[in-house]
Amino acid sequence: MPRSLVLLFACASGLSVANVYYAQPLLDALAADFGISHAVVGGVITATQLGSVLALLLLVPLGDLLPRRHLMLAQLMALAAALVAVCLTSSTFAMMAGMLAVGMLGTAMTQGLIAYAASAAAEAERGRVVGAAQSGVLAGLLLARVFAGLVADLAGWRGVYGASAAIMLVLAALLWRCLPLLPTQAGGQAPRFAYPRLIASMVTLLRRNRVLQVRGVIALLMFAVFGTFWSALVFLLGAPPYAYSHGTTGAFGLVGVAGALAAARAGHWADRGYAQATSAAALLLMPLSWLLLALAPHSLSALIAGIVALDLAVQALHVTNQSMILRSGDEHSRLIGGYMLFYAVGSGAGALAATTIHAQAGWSGVCLLGGGLSLIALMFWAATKWPVRIAKVAGPI
């Protein structure tokens, strides 16, 4: 695959997923604008993740049935409309509904693009291409905090969603012009009731694909850890001794990008048969990162080092998971959709738990939650690695 096309997939994936995460550094502003508590405002993140679950169940599998380029265009138009709706909303209920729609359509675009990239890539380069696209995703969700913080300081939180709507329209034109045409699994002839059977097949994959089951649980725990940290960080940095602005708080996403870029070759390592070694290193690094993050209220350098370590671990493990899962079958859109269901549940649960625990136990409670979940993920991987063997292409789970 040409480098220019790989770069386009990575950038488009990053811009799409950013919409799901713009709210995280804006939680305190949203709470103030709509008159809700810090504990309740975590429901904004839960709404976007619920939208993600709906997308993974109902929209992402369509990539195996419909022409992907047409599907991408329709979803981008709907996403732009949802972003405009959030920008103009005046009630808490309408804001939550808009966030659900943004989460649903942003996720559908992101995971559809990853499945698109996997299908367009040759078998020997699939891990590399998916790794590049996934690096774009992680960079997008981290840089979303930078963008949201800077724009919010200049134009308020509503300006963030208005600007993103305009960006999505430009992206729609670019993807329509550049994405390659690919055949659908239905061969362009969708039979009657194909969609219900397509959705039902997701259940079959989740029930029968052992790689998907085990790597999905690891992803659930991993993204619960990730959501825990990034949802609570805004409260740590917005209070003394830091008391940073939204722009400065969002800029910490740049620190996370360093970890994401460092893990960009995880897909290449998986292609070369080092998936388990990468998994072991990442799962060991996650709990170690929380030891650094526990020092964050007293040490900015410990906070920065902890962010780099956590994001490096999460990105490397995420790319390895997807590389293994995509090698276990040809139903790429449904495999991605099934895997990312675990991600959405973990991310939403982590965000809600983090805001609730922070309200009760502060940053120390958040660190205990994140470190504990990291250790559970490590123990689960160790328990499932040795007794289970799966397809030769994937190796041990």
Protein backbone atom coordinates (compact mmCIF):
# COMPACT_ATOMS: atom_id res chain seq x y z
CA MET A 1 0.00 0.00 0.00
CA PRO A 2 1.38 3.48 -0.89
CA ARG A 3 2.65 5.51 2.04
CA SER A 4 0.34 8.38 1.12
CA LEU A 5 -2.70 6.13 1.48
CA VAL A 6 -1.47 4.72 4.79
CA LEU A 7 -1.01 8.29 6.02
CA LEU A 8 -4.53 9.20 4.87
CA PHE A 9 -6.03 6.28 6.78
CA ALA A 10 -4.09 7.28 9.89
CA CYS A 11 -5.06 10.96 9.72
CA ALA A 12 -8.71 10.26 8.90
CA SER A 13 -8.95 7.74 11.74
CA GLY A 14 -7.42 10.24 14.16
CA LEU A 15 -9.72 13.09 13.12
CA SER A 16 -12.76 10.83 13.39
CA VAL A 17 -12.01 9.42 16.83
CA ALA A 18 -11.12 12.86 18.19
CA ASN A 19 -14.82 13.72 18.20
CA VAL A 20 -15.47 11.05 20.82
CA TYR A 21 -12.86 12.55 23.17
CA TYR A 22 -13.24 16.31 22.86
CA ALA A 23 -15.42 16.34 25.98
CA GLN A 24 -12.80 14.95 28.38
CA PRO A 25 -10.84 18.18 29.04
CA LEU A 26 -14.12 20.13 28.96
CA LEU A 27 -15.95 18.24 31.72
CA ASP A 28 -15.61 21.06 34.25
CA ALA A 29 -16.83 23.62 31.69
CA LEU A 30 -19.79 21.41 30.78
CA ALA A 31 -20.62 20.91 34.46
CA ALA A 32 -20.61 24.69 35.02
CA ASP A 33 -22.62 25.49 31.88
CA PHE A 34 -25.36 22.94 32.50
CA GLY A 35 -25.32 23.14 36.31
CA ILE A 36 -24.42 19.52 37.03
CA SER A 37 -21.95 18.07 39.54
CA HIS A 38 -18.50 16.65 38.76
CA ALA A 39 -19.76 13.16 39.66
CA VAL A 40 -22.69 13.44 37.24
CA VAL A 41 -20.75 15.03 34.39
CA GLY A 42 -18.88 11.75 33.94
CA GLY A 43 -22.12 10.63 32.29
CA VAL A 44 -21.07 12.69 29.23
CA ILE A 45 -18.23 10.24 28.62
CA THR A 46 -20.55 7.31 29.33
CA ALA A 47 -23.00 8.67 26.72
CA THR A 48 -20.29 8.83 24.06
CA GLN A 49 -19.19 5.30 24.91
CA LEU A 50 -22.78 4.04 24.79
CA GLY A 51 -22.91 5.56 21.32
CA SER A 52 -19.72 3.65 20.55
CA VAL A 53 -21.34 0.38 21.61
CA LEU A 54 -24.36 1.04 19.38
CA ALA A 55 -22.05 1.84 16.46
CA LEU A 56 -20.05 -1.33 16.93
CA LEU A 57 -23.21 -3.43 17.04
CA LEU A 58 -25.24 -1.73 14.32
CA LEU A 59 -23.02 0.36 12.00
CA VAL A 60 -19.49 -1.03 11.83
CA PRO A 61 -20.60 -4.48 10.51
CA LEU A 62 -22.13 -2.71 7.49
CA GLY A 63 -18.62 -2.45 6.07
CA ASP A 64 -18.82 -6.16 5.23
CA LEU A 65 -22.11 -5.62 3.36
CA LEU A 66 -22.18 -2.18 1.70
CA PRO A 67 -19.71 -0.29 -0.53
CA ARG A 68 -17.31 1.17 2.01
CA ARG A 69 -16.68 4.50 0.30
CA HIS A 70 -20.39 5.35 0.11
CA LEU A 71 -20.81 4.25 3.72
CA MET A 72 -17.95 6.50 4.87
CA LEU A 73 -19.48 9.53 3.14
CA ALA A 74 -22.94 8.99 4.66
CA GLN A 75 -21.51 8.54 8.14
CA LEU A 76 -19.36 11.67 7.86
CA MET A 77 -22.34 13.78 6.82
CA ALA A 78 -24.36 12.47 9.77
CA LEU A 79 -21.42 13.07 12.13
CA ALA A 80 -21.11 16.69 11.01
CA ALA A 81 -24.83 17.18 11.69
CA ALA A 82 -24.50 15.66 15.18
CA LEU A 83 -21.56 17.96 15.99
CA VAL A 84 -23.60 20.99 14.96
CA ALA A 85 -26.45 19.78 17.20
CA VAL A 86 -24.11 19.54 20.21
CA CYS A 87 -22.75 23.01 19.45
CA LEU A 88 -26.26 24.51 19.54
CA THR A 89 -27.80 22.54 22.41
CA SER A 90 -29.24 24.34 25.45
CA SER A 91 -30.42 21.49 27.72
CA THR A 92 -28.63 18.70 29.55
CA PHE A 93 -30.79 16.01 27.95
CA ALA A 94 -30.20 17.32 24.43
CA MET A 95 -26.47 17.60 25.13
CA MET A 96 -26.30 14.00 26.35
CA ALA A 97 -28.29 12.81 23.31
CA GLY A 98 -25.98 14.73 21.01
CA MET A 99 -22.92 13.24 22.70
CA LEU A 100 -24.39 9.77 22.20
CA ALA A 101 -24.81 10.49 18.48
CA VAL A 102 -21.28 11.88 18.22
CA GLY A 103 -19.90 8.79 19.97
CA MET A 104 -21.89 6.52 17.68
CA LEU A 105 -20.91 8.13 14.39
CA GLY A 106 -17.33 8.99 15.38
CA THR A 107 -16.75 5.37 16.36
CA ALA A 108 -18.39 4.03 13.21
CA MET A 109 -16.09 6.17 11.09
CA THR A 110 -12.95 5.27 13.03
CA GLN A 111 -13.43 1.52 13.14
CA GLY A 112 -14.78 1.45 9.61
CA LEU A 113 -11.58 3.12 8.42
CA ILE A 114 -9.40 0.59 10.27
CA ALA A 115 -11.33 -2.31 8.75
CA TYR A 116 -11.10 -0.57 5.35
CA ALA A 117 -7.31 -0.29 5.73
CA ALA A 118 -7.02 -3.94 6.78
CA SER A 119 -9.01 -5.11 3.76
CA ALA A 120 -7.06 -2.91 1.34
CA ALA A 121 -3.67 -4.09 2.66
CA ALA A 122 -1.85 -7.22 1.55
CA GLU A 123 -1.58 -10.03 4.11
CA ALA A 124 2.15 -9.52 4.67
CA GLU A 125 1.73 -5.80 5.46
CA ARG A 126 -1.59 -5.89 7.32
CA GLY A 127 -0.06 -5.58 10.77
CA ARG A 128 2.00 -2.58 9.68
CA VAL A 129 -0.94 -0.83 8.02
CA VAL A 130 -3.31 -1.46 10.93
CA GLY A 131 -0.57 -0.33 13.32
CA ALA A 132 -0.19 2.94 11.42
CA ALA A 133 -3.96 3.52 11.37
CA GLN A 134 -4.21 2.68 15.04
CA SER A 135 -1.35 5.08 15.81
CA GLY A 136 -3.46 7.73 14.12
CA VAL A 137 -6.38 6.79 16.34
CA LEU A 138 -4.41 7.09 19.57
CA ALA A 139 -2.74 10.30 18.41
CA GLY A 140 -6.19 11.64 17.51
CA LEU A 141 -7.78 10.88 20.84
CA LEU A 142 -4.81 12.41 22.67
CA LEU A 143 -4.50 15.48 20.44
CA ALA A 144 -8.27 15.92 20.78
CA ARG A 145 -7.54 17.18 24.29
CA VAL A 146 -5.03 19.71 22.94
CA PHE A 147 -7.42 20.95 20.26
CA ALA A 148 -10.39 21.08 22.63
CA GLY A 149 -8.46 22.93 25.30
CA LEU A 150 -7.04 25.55 22.96
CA VAL A 151 -10.30 26.20 21.10
CA ALA A 152 -12.29 26.26 24.36
CA ASP A 153 -9.98 28.97 25.73
CA LEU A 154 -10.61 31.05 22.60
CA ALA A 155 -14.25 30.31 21.72
CA GLY A 156 -15.76 28.25 24.55
CA TRP A 157 -16.63 24.57 24.51
CA ARG A 158 -19.26 25.07 21.81
CA GLY A 159 -16.61 26.38 19.43
CA VAL A 160 -14.84 23.00 19.69
CA TYR A 161 -17.79 21.13 18.21
CA GLY A 162 -18.54 23.78 15.58
CA ALA A 163 -14.95 23.69 14.33
CA SER A 164 -14.95 19.91 14.21
CA ALA A 165 -18.12 19.86 12.11
CA ALA A 166 -16.34 21.96 9.47
CA ILE A 167 -13.31 19.65 9.58
CA MET A 168 -15.53 16.60 8.98
CA LEU A 169 -16.98 18.16 5.82
CA VAL A 170 -13.49 18.74 4.42
CA LEU A 171 -12.49 15.18 5.35
CA ALA A 172 -15.55 13.79 3.55
CA ALA A 173 -14.45 15.38 0.27
CA LEU A 174 -10.87 14.11 0.69
CA LEU A 175 -11.88 10.51 1.44
CA TRP A 176 -14.33 10.40 -1.45
CA ARG A 177 -11.57 11.43 -3.81
CA CYS A 178 -8.76 9.20 -2.51
CA LEU A 179 -10.08 5.97 -0.99
CA PRO A 180 -9.79 2.86 -3.19
CA LEU A 181 -12.88 0.96 -4.28
CA LEU A 182 -13.15 -2.47 -2.63
CA PRO A 183 -15.62 -5.30 -3.27
CA THR A 184 -18.05 -6.14 -0.47
CA GLN A 185 -18.30 -9.65 0.92
CA ALA A 186 -21.82 -9.73 -0.50
CA GLY A 187 -20.35 -8.99 -3.93
CA GLY A 188 -22.49 -5.89 -4.22
CA GLN A 189 -25.70 -7.98 -4.17
CA ALA A 190 -27.11 -7.64 -0.65
CA PRO A 191 -29.71 -10.42 -0.26
CA ARG A 192 -32.99 -9.85 1.50
CA PHE A 193 -32.63 -9.84 5.32
CA ALA A 194 -28.83 -9.72 4.90
CA TYR A 195 -28.50 -7.01 7.56
CA PRO A 196 -30.22 -8.98 10.37
CA ARG A 197 -28.06 -12.01 9.54
CA LEU A 198 -24.98 -9.78 9.48
CA ILE A 199 -25.74 -8.47 12.98
CA ALA A 200 -26.53 -11.97 14.25
CA SER A 201 -23.15 -13.15 12.97
CA MET A 202 -21.50 -10.77 15.47
CA VAL A 203 -22.89 -12.93 18.26
CA THR A 204 -21.48 -16.03 16.57
CA LEU A 205 -18.03 -14.45 16.31
CA LEU A 206 -18.09 -13.43 19.96
CA ARG A 207 -19.15 -16.92 20.99
CA ARG A 208 -16.74 -18.95 18.84
CA ASN A 209 -13.61 -16.88 18.22
CA ARG A 210 -11.32 -17.55 21.18
CA VAL A 211 -8.80 -14.91 20.12
CA LEU A 212 -11.56 -12.31 20.08
CA GLN A 213 -12.84 -13.39 23.50
CA VAL A 214 -9.53 -13.29 25.33
CA ARG A 215 -8.03 -10.27 23.59
CA GLY A 216 -11.37 -8.50 24.01
CA VAL A 217 -11.32 -8.94 27.79
CA ILE A 218 -7.74 -7.65 27.89
CA ALA A 219 -8.89 -4.62 25.85
CA LEU A 220 -11.81 -4.02 28.22
CA LEU A 221 -9.46 -3.86 31.22
CA MET A 222 -6.82 -1.89 29.31
CA PHE A 223 -9.23 0.82 28.21
CA ALA A 224 -10.86 0.97 31.62
CA VAL A 225 -7.38 1.91 32.84
CA PHE A 226 -6.96 4.43 30.02
CA GLY A 227 -10.37 5.99 30.59
CA THR A 228 -9.76 6.17 34.32
CA PHE A 229 -6.63 8.27 33.89
CA TRP A 230 -7.71 10.68 31.16
CA SER A 231 -11.16 11.35 32.64
CA ALA A 232 -9.77 12.22 36.08
CA LEU A 233 -6.74 14.20 34.86
CA VAL A 234 -8.76 17.35 34.18
CA PHE A 235 -9.73 17.54 37.87
CA LEU A 236 -6.14 17.09 39.04
CA LEU A 237 -4.75 19.75 36.70
CA GLY A 238 -7.61 22.18 37.24
CA ALA A 239 -7.04 22.35 41.01
CA PRO A 240 -4.08 23.56 43.10
CA PRO A 241 -1.12 23.23 42.95
CA TYR A 242 -1.52 23.25 39.15
CA ALA A 243 -4.75 25.21 38.43
CA TYR A 244 -4.10 25.05 34.68
CA SER A 245 -6.37 26.46 31.97
CA HIS A 246 -8.23 24.22 29.52
CA GLY A 247 -5.55 24.88 26.90
CA THR A 248 -2.71 23.87 29.18
CA THR A 249 -4.60 20.81 30.43
CA GLY A 250 -5.33 19.72 26.86
CA ALA A 251 -1.67 20.14 25.94
CA PHE A 252 -0.86 17.13 28.11
CA GLY A 253 -2.24 15.11 25.22
CA LEU A 254 0.98 15.98 23.40
CA VAL A 255 2.87 14.07 26.08
CA GLY A 256 0.71 11.03 25.40
CA VAL A 257 1.42 11.24 21.68
CA ALA A 258 5.09 10.55 22.42
CA GLY A 259 4.09 7.20 23.91
CA ALA A 260 1.75 6.48 21.01
CA LEU A 261 4.44 7.12 18.41
CA ALA A 262 6.95 5.00 20.33
CA ALA A 263 4.57 2.04 20.03
CA ALA A 264 3.88 2.51 16.31
CA ARG A 265 5.94 -0.58 15.36
CA ALA A 266 3.90 -2.94 17.51
CA GLY A 267 2.01 -4.16 14.43
CA HIS A 268 5.32 -4.86 12.68
CA TRP A 269 6.48 -6.90 15.70
CA ALA A 270 3.23 -8.86 15.60
CA ASP A 271 3.78 -9.62 11.90
CA ARG A 272 7.20 -11.04 12.85
CA GLY A 273 5.78 -13.33 15.54
CA TYR A 274 6.51 -11.27 18.66
CA ALA A 275 2.91 -10.62 19.69
CA GLN A 276 3.28 -12.31 23.07
CA ALA A 277 6.54 -10.56 23.95
CA THR A 278 4.93 -7.22 23.13
CA SER A 279 1.88 -8.10 25.22
CA ALA A 280 4.01 -9.07 28.21
CA ALA A 281 6.05 -5.86 28.10
CA ALA A 282 2.96 -3.66 27.75
CA LEU A 283 1.04 -5.38 30.54
CA LEU A 284 4.01 -5.06 32.90
CA LEU A 285 4.44 -1.39 32.02
CA MET A 286 0.83 -0.45 32.79
CA PRO A 287 0.91 -1.01 36.59
CA LEU A 288 4.40 0.51 36.76
CA SER A 289 3.09 3.67 35.13
CA TRP A 290 0.60 4.12 37.98
CA LEU A 291 3.43 4.22 40.50
CA LEU A 292 4.65 7.33 38.69
CA LEU A 293 1.16 8.78 38.31
CA ALA A 294 0.54 8.42 42.06
CA LEU A 295 3.26 11.05 42.54
CA ALA A 296 1.58 13.47 40.12
CA PRO A 297 0.09 15.85 42.75
CA HIS A 298 3.64 16.60 43.92
CA SER A 299 5.79 16.10 40.80
CA LEU A 300 5.14 17.32 37.27
CA SER A 301 8.01 15.22 35.91
CA ALA A 302 6.49 12.06 37.43
CA LEU A 303 3.16 12.94 35.79
CA ILE A 304 4.78 13.38 32.37
CA ALA A 305 6.78 10.14 32.66
CA GLY A 306 3.67 8.28 33.80
CA ILE A 307 1.64 9.53 30.84
CA VAL A 308 4.30 8.44 28.35
CA ALA A 309 4.58 5.00 29.98
CA LEU A 310 0.82 4.45 30.15
CA ASP A 311 0.16 5.51 26.57
CA LEU A 312 3.08 3.47 25.26
CA ALA A 313 1.72 0.36 27.00
CA VAL A 314 -1.87 0.90 25.88
CA GLN A 315 -0.96 1.61 22.24
CA ALA A 316 1.42 -1.34 21.91
CA LEU A 317 -1.12 -3.72 23.43
CA HIS A 318 -4.01 -2.34 21.39
CA VAL A 319 -2.20 -2.72 18.05
CA THR A 320 -1.04 -6.23 19.01
CA ASN A 321 -4.61 -7.21 19.95
CA GLN A 322 -6.01 -6.02 16.65
CA SER A 323 -3.26 -7.62 14.60
CA MET A 324 -3.94 -11.01 16.22
CA ILE A 325 -7.71 -10.69 15.86
CA LEU A 326 -7.59 -9.66 12.20
CA ARG A 327 -5.44 -12.70 11.42
CA SER A 328 -8.07 -15.02 12.91
CA GLY A 329 -10.70 -14.48 10.18
CA ASP A 330 -11.73 -12.61 7.04
CA GLU A 331 -14.73 -10.75 8.52
CA HIS A 332 -12.64 -7.67 9.22
CA SER A 333 -15.44 -5.16 9.92
CA ARG A 334 -17.23 -7.56 12.27
CA LEU A 335 -14.02 -8.63 13.99
CA ILE A 336 -13.10 -4.99 14.58
CA GLY A 337 -16.65 -4.24 15.74
CA GLY A 338 -16.69 -7.17 18.15
CA TYR A 339 -13.30 -6.30 19.59
CA MET A 340 -14.13 -2.64 20.01
CA LEU A 341 -17.29 -3.50 21.95
CA PHE A 342 -14.96 -4.51 24.76
CA TYR A 343 -13.08 -1.25 24.32
CA ALA A 344 -16.24 0.87 24.54
CA VAL A 345 -17.51 -0.87 27.65
CA GLY A 346 -14.14 -0.58 29.35
CA SER A 347 -13.59 3.06 28.40
CA GLY A 348 -17.06 4.16 29.49
CA ALA A 349 -16.93 2.22 32.75
CA GLY A 350 -13.45 3.57 33.52
CA ALA A 351 -14.54 7.18 32.92
CA LEU A 352 -17.63 6.88 35.10
CA ALA A 353 -15.75 5.07 37.86
CA ALA A 354 -12.92 7.61 37.78
CA THR A 355 -15.16 10.67 38.16
CA THR A 356 -17.17 8.97 40.90
CA ILE A 357 -14.11 7.79 42.84
CA HIS A 358 -12.33 11.12 42.42
CA ALA A 359 -15.31 12.87 43.99
CA GLN A 360 -15.05 10.53 47.00
CA ALA A 361 -11.34 9.68 47.37
CA GLY A 362 -9.43 12.16 45.22
CA TRP A 363 -6.41 11.37 43.07
CA SER A 364 -5.19 8.60 45.40
CA GLY A 365 -8.42 6.70 44.85
CA VAL A 366 -8.07 7.09 41.08
CA CYS A 367 -4.52 5.69 41.19
CA LEU A 368 -5.62 2.70 43.26
CA LEU A 369 -8.39 2.01 40.73
CA GLY A 370 -6.06 2.31 37.71
CA GLY A 371 -3.27 0.27 39.27
CA GLY A 372 -5.66 -2.44 40.41
CA LEU A 373 -7.23 -2.79 36.97
CA SER A 374 -3.76 -2.95 35.41
CA LEU A 375 -2.77 -5.84 37.68
CA ILE A 376 -6.01 -7.69 36.88
CA ALA A 377 -5.26 -7.36 33.15
CA LEU A 378 -1.75 -8.75 33.66
CA MET A 379 -3.05 -11.70 35.69
CA PHE A 380 -5.78 -12.45 33.15
CA TRP A 381 -3.26 -12.53 30.29
CA ALA A 382 -0.96 -14.83 32.27
CA ALA A 383 -3.85 -17.16 33.13
CA THR A 384 -5.02 -17.47 29.51
CA LYS A 385 -1.68 -17.52 27.70
CA TRP A 386 -0.42 -20.99 28.52
CA PRO A 387 -3.41 -23.36 28.51
CA VAL A 388 -4.96 -22.15 25.26
CA ARG A 389 -3.64 -22.63 21.72
CA ILE A 390 -5.40 -21.22 18.68
CA ALA A 391 -4.75 -20.82 14.97
CA LYS A 392 -1.13 -21.07 13.86
CA VAL A 393 -1.20 -17.57 12.42
CA ALA A 394 -2.03 -16.12 15.84
CA GLY A 395 -0.05 -18.37 18.19
CA PRO A 396 -0.97 -18.57 21.87
CA ILE A 397 -3.53 -16.09 23.09
